[in-house]
Amino acid sequence: MILDKIENYKLYENLSERIAKGFEFIRNTDLTQIESGKYQIDNDAVFAIVQEYDTKEAEDCKLEGHTKYIDIQYVIKGVELMGVTTKKNQKLILTDEEKDYSFYEGDSSLIRVEEGMFTIFFPDDLHRPCVKADQISKVKKVVIKVQI
């Protein structure tokens, strides 16, 4: 897992050509004006999902992981906490291989992700997004799905 500010994206764009395309979308798109929805970047190899939602109590958020895609989650507006942990010792609850997600039951440590910050979650990383920080608030975020 990686947590950083978008100004430091150059440290990570060399991880793969696809990750670089994800950062290019974040940098070259007016994300404050973009509508919620799915945006193709490189067909199914790299695409973006723009979301707007209210944060929730931690117990109302699911611990999830992916096997076919890496997530770059960039907070456009707002602040949220994200639970983070690895797959080690987590109880698998549900898997949808076609949609590339699995839900788990287990503990996670909370990190604060503010406007202008991003996370990168790899297949061994589990994450619990959308958790309220100090109070329930509106968040706008883009999730770049990067096929492995």
C-alpha atoms as a PDB file:
ATOM      1  CA  MET A   1       0.000   0.000   0.000  1.00  0.00           C
ATOM      2  CA  ILE A   2       1.124   3.526  -0.790  1.00  0.00           C
ATOM      3  CA  LEU A   3      -0.191   6.772   0.721  1.00  0.00           C
ATOM      4  CA  ASP A   4       1.087  10.086  -0.631  1.00  0.00           C
ATOM      5  CA  LYS A   5       0.219  13.546  -2.009  1.00  0.00           C
ATOM      6  CA  ILE A   6      -0.424  13.916  -5.723  1.00  0.00           C
ATOM      7  CA  GLU A   7       2.587  16.260  -6.040  1.00  0.00           C
ATOM      8  CA  ASN A   8       4.747  13.163  -5.510  1.00  0.00           C
ATOM      9  CA  TYR A   9       3.158  11.040  -8.264  1.00  0.00           C
ATOM     10  CA  LYS A  10       6.454  10.935 -10.218  1.00  0.00           C
ATOM     11  CA  LEU A  11       7.885   8.663  -7.502  1.00  0.00           C
ATOM     12  CA  TYR A  12       5.371   5.973  -8.535  1.00  0.00           C
ATOM     13  CA  GLU A  13       4.590   6.401 -12.235  1.00  0.00           C
ATOM     14  CA  ASN A  14       7.535   4.177 -13.160  1.00  0.00           C
ATOM     15  CA  LEU A  15       5.988   1.212 -11.345  1.00  0.00           C
ATOM     16  CA  SER A  16       4.197   0.401 -14.611  1.00  0.00           C
ATOM     17  CA  GLU A  17       3.055   2.018 -17.833  1.00  0.00           C
ATOM     18  CA  ARG A  18      -0.555   1.486 -16.749  1.00  0.00           C
ATOM     19  CA  ILE A  19      -0.049   3.206 -13.400  1.00  0.00           C
ATOM     20  CA  ALA A  20       1.529   6.111 -15.316  1.00  0.00           C
ATOM     21  CA  LYS A  21      -1.616   6.326 -17.477  1.00  0.00           C
ATOM     22  CA  GLY A  22      -3.715   6.492 -14.314  1.00  0.00           C
ATOM     23  CA  PHE A  23      -1.688   9.393 -12.952  1.00  0.00           C
ATOM     24  CA  GLU A  24      -1.860  11.095 -16.348  1.00  0.00           C
ATOM     25  CA  PHE A  25      -5.683  10.964 -16.164  1.00  0.00           C
ATOM     26  CA  ILE A  26      -5.650  12.445 -12.644  1.00  0.00           C
ATOM     27  CA  ARG A  27      -3.262  15.253 -13.648  1.00  0.00           C
ATOM     28  CA  ASN A  28      -4.851  16.139 -17.005  1.00  0.00           C
ATOM     29  CA  THR A  29      -8.555  15.995 -16.110  1.00  0.00           C
ATOM     30  CA  ASP A  30     -10.538  18.758 -14.420  1.00  0.00           C
ATOM     31  CA  LEU A  31     -11.661  16.463 -11.633  1.00  0.00           C
ATOM     32  CA  THR A  32     -13.582  19.189  -9.799  1.00  0.00           C
ATOM     33  CA  GLN A  33     -15.958  19.423 -12.796  1.00  0.00           C
ATOM     34  CA  ILE A  34     -16.117  15.774 -13.899  1.00  0.00           C
ATOM     35  CA  GLU A  35     -19.400  13.907 -13.400  1.00  0.00           C
ATOM     36  CA  SER A  36     -19.661  10.685 -11.413  1.00  0.00           C
ATOM     37  CA  GLY A  37     -19.337   7.594 -13.579  1.00  0.00           C
ATOM     38  CA  LYS A  38     -16.926   5.320 -15.413  1.00  0.00           C
ATOM     39  CA  TYR A  39     -14.297   6.671 -17.829  1.00  0.00           C
ATOM     40  CA  GLN A  40     -12.182   4.548 -20.176  1.00  0.00           C
ATOM     41  CA  ILE A  41      -8.463   5.395 -20.182  1.00  0.00           C
ATOM     42  CA  ASP A  42      -7.005   2.310 -21.898  1.00  0.00           C
ATOM     43  CA  ASN A  43     -10.004   0.029 -22.494  1.00  0.00           C
ATOM     44  CA  ASP A  44     -10.304  -2.496 -19.645  1.00  0.00           C
ATOM     45  CA  ALA A  45      -6.578  -2.229 -18.838  1.00  0.00           C
ATOM     46  CA  VAL A  46      -6.962   1.176 -17.149  1.00  0.00           C
ATOM     47  CA  PHE A  47     -10.218   2.950 -16.340  1.00  0.00           C
ATOM     48  CA  ALA A  48     -11.520   5.486 -13.845  1.00  0.00           C
ATOM     49  CA  ILE A  49     -14.583   5.455 -11.613  1.00  0.00           C
ATOM     50  CA  VAL A  50     -15.583   8.873 -10.250  1.00  0.00           C
ATOM     51  CA  GLN A  51     -17.683   8.684  -7.079  1.00  0.00           C
ATOM     52  CA  GLU A  52     -19.429  11.131  -4.744  1.00  0.00           C
ATOM     53  CA  TYR A  53     -20.739   9.935  -1.400  1.00  0.00           C
ATOM     54  CA  ASP A  54     -21.179  10.706   2.269  1.00  0.00           C
ATOM     55  CA  THR A  55     -18.693   9.021   4.591  1.00  0.00           C
ATOM     56  CA  LYS A  56     -20.068   6.474   7.070  1.00  0.00           C
ATOM     57  CA  GLU A  57     -19.368   4.812  10.370  1.00  0.00           C
ATOM     58  CA  ALA A  58     -16.551   2.238  10.126  1.00  0.00           C
ATOM     59  CA  GLU A  59     -18.885  -0.667  10.907  1.00  0.00           C
ATOM     60  CA  ASP A  60     -20.993   0.288   7.867  1.00  0.00           C
ATOM     61  CA  CYS A  61     -17.975   0.076   5.500  1.00  0.00           C
ATOM     62  CA  LYS A  62     -16.706  -3.154   3.964  1.00  0.00           C
ATOM     63  CA  LEU A  63     -13.146  -4.454   4.037  1.00  0.00           C
ATOM     64  CA  GLU A  64     -12.382  -5.304   0.418  1.00  0.00           C
ATOM     65  CA  GLY A  65      -9.640  -6.510  -1.863  1.00  0.00           C
ATOM     66  CA  HIS A  66      -8.998  -7.144  -5.556  1.00  0.00           C
ATOM     67  CA  THR A  67      -6.958  -9.705  -7.488  1.00  0.00           C
ATOM     68  CA  LYS A  68      -7.047  -8.520 -11.129  1.00  0.00           C
ATOM     69  CA  TYR A  69      -6.670  -4.774 -10.569  1.00  0.00           C
ATOM     70  CA  ILE A  70      -4.560  -2.342  -8.561  1.00  0.00           C
ATOM     71  CA  ASP A  71      -6.519   0.622  -7.153  1.00  0.00           C
ATOM     72  CA  ILE A  72      -5.266   4.188  -7.240  1.00  0.00           C
ATOM     73  CA  GLN A  73      -7.739   6.096  -5.049  1.00  0.00           C
ATOM     74  CA  TYR A  74      -7.424   9.878  -5.294  1.00  0.00           C
ATOM     75  CA  VAL A  75      -9.492  12.199  -3.087  1.00  0.00           C
ATOM     76  CA  ILE A  76     -10.693  15.157  -5.155  1.00  0.00           C
ATOM     77  CA  LYS A  77     -12.728  16.856  -2.407  1.00  0.00           C
ATOM     78  CA  GLY A  78     -13.288  16.091   1.246  1.00  0.00           C
ATOM     79  CA  VAL A  79     -11.600  13.783   3.704  1.00  0.00           C
ATOM     80  CA  GLU A  80     -12.126  10.176   4.699  1.00  0.00           C
ATOM     81  CA  LEU A  81     -10.515   7.501   6.773  1.00  0.00           C
ATOM     82  CA  MET A  82      -9.561   4.241   5.098  1.00  0.00           C
ATOM     83  CA  GLY A  83      -8.993   1.028   6.933  1.00  0.00           C
ATOM     84  CA  VAL A  84      -5.904  -0.808   5.695  1.00  0.00           C
ATOM     85  CA  THR A  85      -4.464  -4.254   6.323  1.00  0.00           C
ATOM     86  CA  THR A  86      -3.100  -7.243   4.409  1.00  0.00           C
ATOM     87  CA  LYS A  87      -4.937 -10.432   3.460  1.00  0.00           C
ATOM     88  CA  LYS A  88      -3.044 -12.338   6.162  1.00  0.00           C
ATOM     89  CA  ASN A  89      -5.416 -13.747   8.804  1.00  0.00           C
ATOM     90  CA  GLN A  90      -8.540 -12.103   7.334  1.00  0.00           C
ATOM     91  CA  LYS A  91     -11.732 -14.123   6.989  1.00  0.00           C
ATOM     92  CA  LEU A  92     -13.073 -14.206   3.418  1.00  0.00           C
ATOM     93  CA  ILE A  93     -16.821 -13.462   3.343  1.00  0.00           C
ATOM     94  CA  LEU A  94     -17.723 -13.088  -0.342  1.00  0.00           C
ATOM     95  CA  THR A  95     -15.952 -13.137  -3.718  1.00  0.00           C
ATOM     96  CA  ASP A  96     -17.141 -11.995  -7.132  1.00  0.00           C
ATOM     97  CA  GLU A  97     -14.368 -12.964  -9.568  1.00  0.00           C
ATOM     98  CA  GLU A  98     -16.097 -11.363 -12.570  1.00  0.00           C
ATOM     99  CA  LYS A  99     -16.352  -7.960 -10.852  1.00  0.00           C
ATOM    100  CA  ASP A 100     -12.947  -8.443  -9.161  1.00  0.00           C
ATOM    101  CA  TYR A 101     -13.791  -7.891  -5.531  1.00  0.00           C
ATOM    102  CA  SER A 102     -13.755  -9.875  -2.326  1.00  0.00           C
ATOM    103  CA  PHE A 103     -15.118  -8.813   1.056  1.00  0.00           C
ATOM    104  CA  TYR A 104     -13.411  -9.790   4.274  1.00  0.00           C
ATOM    105  CA  GLU A 105     -14.102  -9.767   7.977  1.00  0.00           C
ATOM    106  CA  GLY A 106     -11.275  -8.505  10.131  1.00  0.00           C
ATOM    107  CA  ASP A 107      -9.500  -5.599  11.741  1.00  0.00           C
ATOM    108  CA  SER A 108      -7.787  -2.772   9.919  1.00  0.00           C
ATOM    109  CA  SER A 109      -5.784   0.306  10.882  1.00  0.00           C
ATOM    110  CA  LEU A 110      -7.280   3.670   9.913  1.00  0.00           C
ATOM    111  CA  ILE A 111      -5.391   6.218   7.813  1.00  0.00           C
ATOM    112  CA  ARG A 112      -6.574   9.733   6.985  1.00  0.00           C
ATOM    113  CA  VAL A 113      -6.784  10.581   3.281  1.00  0.00           C
ATOM    114  CA  GLU A 114      -7.441  14.238   2.500  1.00  0.00           C
ATOM    115  CA  GLU A 115      -8.064  16.275  -0.626  1.00  0.00           C
ATOM    116  CA  GLY A 116      -5.058  15.995  -2.948  1.00  0.00           C
ATOM    117  CA  MET A 117      -3.872  12.674  -1.503  1.00  0.00           C
ATOM    118  CA  PHE A 118      -3.915   9.210  -3.046  1.00  0.00           C
ATOM    119  CA  THR A 119      -3.504   5.593  -2.064  1.00  0.00           C
ATOM    120  CA  ILE A 120      -2.362   2.676  -4.170  1.00  0.00           C
ATOM    121  CA  PHE A 121      -3.683  -0.729  -3.143  1.00  0.00           C
ATOM    122  CA  PHE A 122      -2.059  -3.863  -4.539  1.00  0.00           C
ATOM    123  CA  PRO A 123      -3.643  -7.350  -4.546  1.00  0.00           C
ATOM    124  CA  ASP A 124      -2.313  -8.248  -1.075  1.00  0.00           C
ATOM    125  CA  ASP A 125      -3.687  -4.997   0.398  1.00  0.00           C
ATOM    126  CA  LEU A 126      -7.164  -4.871   1.850  1.00  0.00           C
ATOM    127  CA  HIS A 127      -8.917  -1.534   2.273  1.00  0.00           C
ATOM    128  CA  ARG A 128     -12.044  -0.213   3.970  1.00  0.00           C
ATOM    129  CA  PRO A 129     -12.865   3.085   2.202  1.00  0.00           C
ATOM    130  CA  CYS A 130     -15.554   5.685   2.967  1.00  0.00           C
ATOM    131  CA  VAL A 131     -15.088   5.852   6.761  1.00  0.00           C
ATOM    132  CA  LYS A 132     -15.991   9.176   8.382  1.00  0.00           C
ATOM    133  CA  ALA A 133     -13.151  11.204   9.866  1.00  0.00           C
ATOM    134  CA  ASP A 134     -14.351  13.679  12.504  1.00  0.00           C
ATOM    135  CA  GLN A 135     -17.899  13.797  11.191  1.00  0.00           C
ATOM    136  CA  ILE A 136     -19.916  12.503   8.256  1.00  0.00           C
ATOM    137  CA  SER A 137     -18.911  14.520   5.198  1.00  0.00           C
ATOM    138  CA  LYS A 138     -19.216  14.607   1.399  1.00  0.00           C
ATOM    139  CA  VAL A 139     -16.309  13.096  -0.544  1.00  0.00           C
ATOM    140  CA  LYS A 140     -15.567  13.166  -4.254  1.00  0.00           C
ATOM    141  CA  LYS A 141     -13.009  10.579  -5.296  1.00  0.00           C
ATOM    142  CA  VAL A 142     -11.673   8.924  -8.417  1.00  0.00           C
ATOM    143  CA  VAL A 143     -10.643   5.277  -8.327  1.00  0.00           C
ATOM    144  CA  ILE A 144      -8.300   4.324 -11.143  1.00  0.00           C
ATOM    145  CA  LYS A 145      -8.468   0.579 -11.834  1.00  0.00           C
ATOM    146  CA  VAL A 146      -5.126  -0.675 -13.202  1.00  0.00           C
ATOM    147  CA  GLN A 147      -5.141  -4.197 -14.611  1.00  0.00           C
ATOM    148  CA  ILE A 148      -2.253  -6.359 -13.465  1.00  0.00           C
END
